C-alpha atoms as a PDB file:
ATOM      1  CA  GLN A   1       0.206 -15.818 -11.196  1.00  0.00           C
ATOM      2  CA  VAL A   2      -0.284 -12.210  -9.954  1.00  0.00           C
ATOM      3  CA  GLN A   3       2.794 -10.075  -9.586  1.00  0.00           C
ATOM      4  CA  LEU A   4       2.873  -6.745  -8.065  1.00  0.00           C
ATOM      5  CA  GLN A   5       5.454  -4.097  -8.102  1.00  0.00           C
ATOM      6  CA  GLU A   6       5.662  -0.832  -6.068  1.00  0.00           C
ATOM      7  CA  SER A   7       6.864   2.437  -7.382  1.00  0.00           C
ATOM      8  CA  GLY A   8       7.262   5.855  -5.997  1.00  0.00           C
ATOM      9  CA  PRO A   9       9.632   8.297  -4.336  1.00  0.00           C
ATOM     10  CA  GLY A  10      12.002   6.843  -2.008  1.00  0.00           C
ATOM     11  CA  LEU A  11      12.501  10.159  -0.008  1.00  0.00           C
ATOM     12  CA  VAL A  12       9.752  12.242   1.339  1.00  0.00           C
ATOM     13  CA  LYS A  13      10.179  15.344   3.507  1.00  0.00           C
ATOM     14  CA  PRO A  14       8.464  15.597   6.868  1.00  0.00           C
ATOM     15  CA  SER A  15       4.831  16.948   6.756  1.00  0.00           C
ATOM     16  CA  GLN A  16       4.535  16.092   3.129  1.00  0.00           C
ATOM     17  CA  THR A  17       2.483  13.459   1.557  1.00  0.00           C
ATOM     18  CA  LEU A  18       3.863   9.919   0.634  1.00  0.00           C
ATOM     19  CA  SER A  19       2.499   8.620  -2.596  1.00  0.00           C
ATOM     20  CA  LEU A  20       3.215   5.050  -3.831  1.00  0.00           C
ATOM     21  CA  THR A  21       1.665   3.108  -6.733  1.00  0.00           C
ATOM     22  CA  CYS A  22       1.404  -0.652  -7.105  1.00  0.00           C
ATOM     23  CA  THR A  23       1.224  -1.974 -10.648  1.00  0.00           C
ATOM     24  CA  VAL A  24      -0.452  -5.468 -10.996  1.00  0.00           C
ATOM     25  CA  SER A  25       0.195  -8.020 -13.571  1.00  0.00           C
ATOM     26  CA  GLY A  26      -1.168 -11.475 -14.256  1.00  0.00           C
ATOM     27  CA  GLY A  27      -4.524 -10.641 -12.661  1.00  0.00           C
ATOM     28  CA  SER A  28      -7.110  -7.839 -12.480  1.00  0.00           C
ATOM     29  CA  ILE A  29      -7.564  -5.583  -9.381  1.00  0.00           C
ATOM     30  CA  THR A  30     -11.325  -5.902 -10.232  1.00  0.00           C
ATOM     31  CA  THR A  31     -11.343  -9.652  -9.982  1.00  0.00           C
ATOM     32  CA  ASN A  32     -14.357 -10.662  -7.905  1.00  0.00           C
ATOM     33  CA  LYS A  33     -13.399 -11.163  -4.309  1.00  0.00           C
ATOM     34  CA  SER A  34      -9.802  -9.833  -4.531  1.00  0.00           C
ATOM     35  CA  TYR A  35      -8.420  -7.617  -1.874  1.00  0.00           C
ATOM     36  CA  TRP A  36      -5.298  -5.408  -2.474  1.00  0.00           C
ATOM     37  CA  ASN A  37      -3.447  -4.105   0.431  1.00  0.00           C
ATOM     38  CA  TRP A  38      -0.627  -1.829   1.624  1.00  0.00           C
ATOM     39  CA  ILE A  39       1.681  -3.085   4.430  1.00  0.00           C
ATOM     40  CA  ARG A  40       4.784  -1.559   5.713  1.00  0.00           C
ATOM     41  CA  GLN A  41       7.711  -2.537   7.939  1.00  0.00           C
ATOM     42  CA  PRO A  42       9.772   0.082   9.749  1.00  0.00           C
ATOM     43  CA  PRO A  43      13.399  -0.680  10.262  1.00  0.00           C
ATOM     44  CA  GLY A  44      13.747  -3.331  13.191  1.00  0.00           C
ATOM     45  CA  LYS A  45       9.961  -3.607  13.517  1.00  0.00           C
ATOM     46  CA  GLY A  46       7.265  -5.870  12.596  1.00  0.00           C
ATOM     47  CA  LEU A  47       4.719  -5.649   9.691  1.00  0.00           C
ATOM     48  CA  GLU A  48       2.005  -3.173   9.970  1.00  0.00           C
ATOM     49  CA  TRP A  49      -1.074  -3.394   7.801  1.00  0.00           C
ATOM     50  CA  ILE A  50      -2.156   0.088   6.367  1.00  0.00           C
ATOM     51  CA  GLY A  51      -5.221  -0.718   4.535  1.00  0.00           C
ATOM     52  CA  CYS A  52      -7.083  -2.466   1.667  1.00  0.00           C
ATOM     53  CA  ILE A  53      -8.863  -1.550  -1.492  1.00  0.00           C
ATOM     54  CA  ARG A  54     -11.389  -4.299  -2.373  1.00  0.00           C
ATOM     55  CA  TYR A  55     -12.388  -5.415  -5.961  1.00  0.00           C
ATOM     56  CA  SER A  56     -15.315  -3.299  -5.603  1.00  0.00           C
ATOM     57  CA  GLY A  57     -13.241   0.107  -5.251  1.00  0.00           C
ATOM     58  CA  SER A  58     -14.249   0.188  -1.453  1.00  0.00           C
ATOM     59  CA  THR A  59     -11.710   0.819   1.055  1.00  0.00           C
ATOM     60  CA  VAL A  60     -10.782  -0.003   4.589  1.00  0.00           C
ATOM     61  CA  TYR A  61      -8.096   1.443   6.694  1.00  0.00           C
ATOM     62  CA  SER A  62      -6.044   0.644   9.953  1.00  0.00           C
ATOM     63  CA  PRO A  63      -7.783   2.805  12.575  1.00  0.00           C
ATOM     64  CA  SER A  64      -4.300   4.233  13.539  1.00  0.00           C
ATOM     65  CA  LEU A  65      -3.675   5.465  10.145  1.00  0.00           C
ATOM     66  CA  ALA A  66      -6.954   6.127   8.668  1.00  0.00           C
ATOM     67  CA  SER A  67      -7.012   9.875   9.335  1.00  0.00           C
ATOM     68  CA  ARG A  68      -4.126  10.440   7.049  1.00  0.00           C
ATOM     69  CA  THR A  69      -4.240   7.540   4.600  1.00  0.00           C
ATOM     70  CA  SER A  70      -6.144   7.213   1.376  1.00  0.00           C
ATOM     71  CA  LEU A  71      -6.216   4.383  -1.116  1.00  0.00           C
ATOM     72  CA  SER A  72      -7.267   4.725  -4.590  1.00  0.00           C
ATOM     73  CA  ARG A  73      -7.127   2.773  -8.035  1.00  0.00           C
ATOM     74  CA  ASP A  74      -6.829   3.141 -11.629  1.00  0.00           C
ATOM     75  CA  THR A  75      -8.658   0.275 -13.174  1.00  0.00           C
ATOM     76  CA  SER A  76      -7.411   1.179 -16.773  1.00  0.00           C
ATOM     77  CA  LYS A  77      -3.753   0.784 -15.514  1.00  0.00           C
ATOM     78  CA  ASN A  78      -4.426  -1.876 -13.342  1.00  0.00           C
ATOM     79  CA  GLN A  79      -3.064   0.045 -10.469  1.00  0.00           C
ATOM     80  CA  PHE A  80      -3.769   1.002  -6.862  1.00  0.00           C
ATOM     81  CA  THR A  81      -2.273   3.899  -5.033  1.00  0.00           C
ATOM     82  CA  LEU A  82      -1.364   4.758  -1.513  1.00  0.00           C
ATOM     83  CA  GLN A  83      -1.304   8.300  -0.194  1.00  0.00           C
ATOM     84  CA  MET A  84      -0.282   9.191   3.323  1.00  0.00           C
ATOM     85  CA  SER A  85      -0.241  12.761   4.430  1.00  0.00           C
ATOM     86  CA  SER A  86       1.816  14.688   7.146  1.00  0.00           C
ATOM     87  CA  VAL A  87       4.602  12.064   7.284  1.00  0.00           C
ATOM     88  CA  THR A  88       7.031  11.858  10.063  1.00  0.00           C
ATOM     89  CA  PRO A  89      10.211  10.102  10.433  1.00  0.00           C
ATOM     90  CA  GLU A  90       8.086   7.316  12.092  1.00  0.00           C
ATOM     91  CA  ASP A  91       6.571   6.624   8.742  1.00  0.00           C
ATOM     92  CA  ALA A  92       9.950   5.627   7.247  1.00  0.00           C
ATOM     93  CA  ALA A  93       9.754   1.897   6.434  1.00  0.00           C
ATOM     94  CA  VAL A  94       9.599  -0.567   3.559  1.00  0.00           C
ATOM     95  CA  TYR A  95       6.199  -0.406   1.876  1.00  0.00           C
ATOM     96  CA  TYR A  96       4.761  -3.503   0.390  1.00  0.00           C
ATOM     97  CA  CYS A  97       1.622  -3.881  -1.826  1.00  0.00           C
ATOM     98  CA  THR A  98       0.020  -7.306  -1.585  1.00  0.00           C
ATOM     99  CA  ARG A  99      -2.983  -9.358  -2.657  1.00  0.00           C
ATOM    100  CA  GLY A 100      -4.794 -10.960   0.378  1.00  0.00           C
ATOM    101  CA  SER A 101      -7.611 -12.523   2.043  1.00  0.00           C
ATOM    102  CA  SER A 102     -11.084 -10.792   2.754  1.00  0.00           C
ATOM    103  CA  ASP A 103     -10.150 -10.464   6.641  1.00  0.00           C
ATOM    104  CA  TYR A 104      -6.811  -8.858   5.830  1.00  0.00           C
ATOM    105  CA  GLN A 105      -4.998 -11.436   7.799  1.00  0.00           C
ATOM    106  CA  TYR A 106      -3.444 -13.396   4.983  1.00  0.00           C
ATOM    107  CA  PHE A 107      -1.459 -12.335   2.002  1.00  0.00           C
ATOM    108  CA  THR A 108      -0.807 -14.346  -0.961  1.00  0.00           C
ATOM    109  CA  SER A 109       1.215 -12.260  -3.232  1.00  0.00           C
ATOM    110  CA  TRP A 110       3.608  -9.495  -2.382  1.00  0.00           C
ATOM    111  CA  GLY A 111       5.494  -6.975  -4.241  1.00  0.00           C
ATOM    112  CA  GLN A 112       9.384  -6.711  -3.582  1.00  0.00           C
ATOM    113  CA  GLY A 113       8.877  -3.645  -1.413  1.00  0.00           C
ATOM    114  CA  THR A 114      10.107  -0.132  -1.726  1.00  0.00           C
ATOM    115  CA  LEU A 115      12.005   1.808   0.903  1.00  0.00           C
ATOM    116  CA  VAL A 116      10.702   5.155   1.947  1.00  0.00           C
ATOM    117  CA  THR A 117      12.792   7.464   4.061  1.00  0.00           C
ATOM    118  CA  VAL A 118      11.514  10.479   5.738  1.00  0.00           C
ATOM    119  CA  ASN A 119      14.090  13.278   5.952  1.00  0.00           C
ATOM    120  CA  SER A 120      14.472  16.846   5.349  1.00  0.00           C
END
């Protein structure tokens, strides 16, 4: 069974870059037709899909966040990473890494989530 674990700073200053890593166990991020996502949930709001890095290494992003979001991976560590630049207090949220479907609509495995606060 695939397990995911987020890690990274819980506090980021405005205008800086948020960087989170997801470590995957019980399965490989290069497994054929596997899709690895970042999702966030701001306080009191719904889930927002951020982007996906596919088994091939290609990426796709939410249009609303694409200009300042980058996903990458380290296959030797079985990890994938989220970087989001120019953060504002509106980026404060619980960030989840997930494994999901090819249409980015269904998510079968979730990390526990990590809270990121944006504050100077």
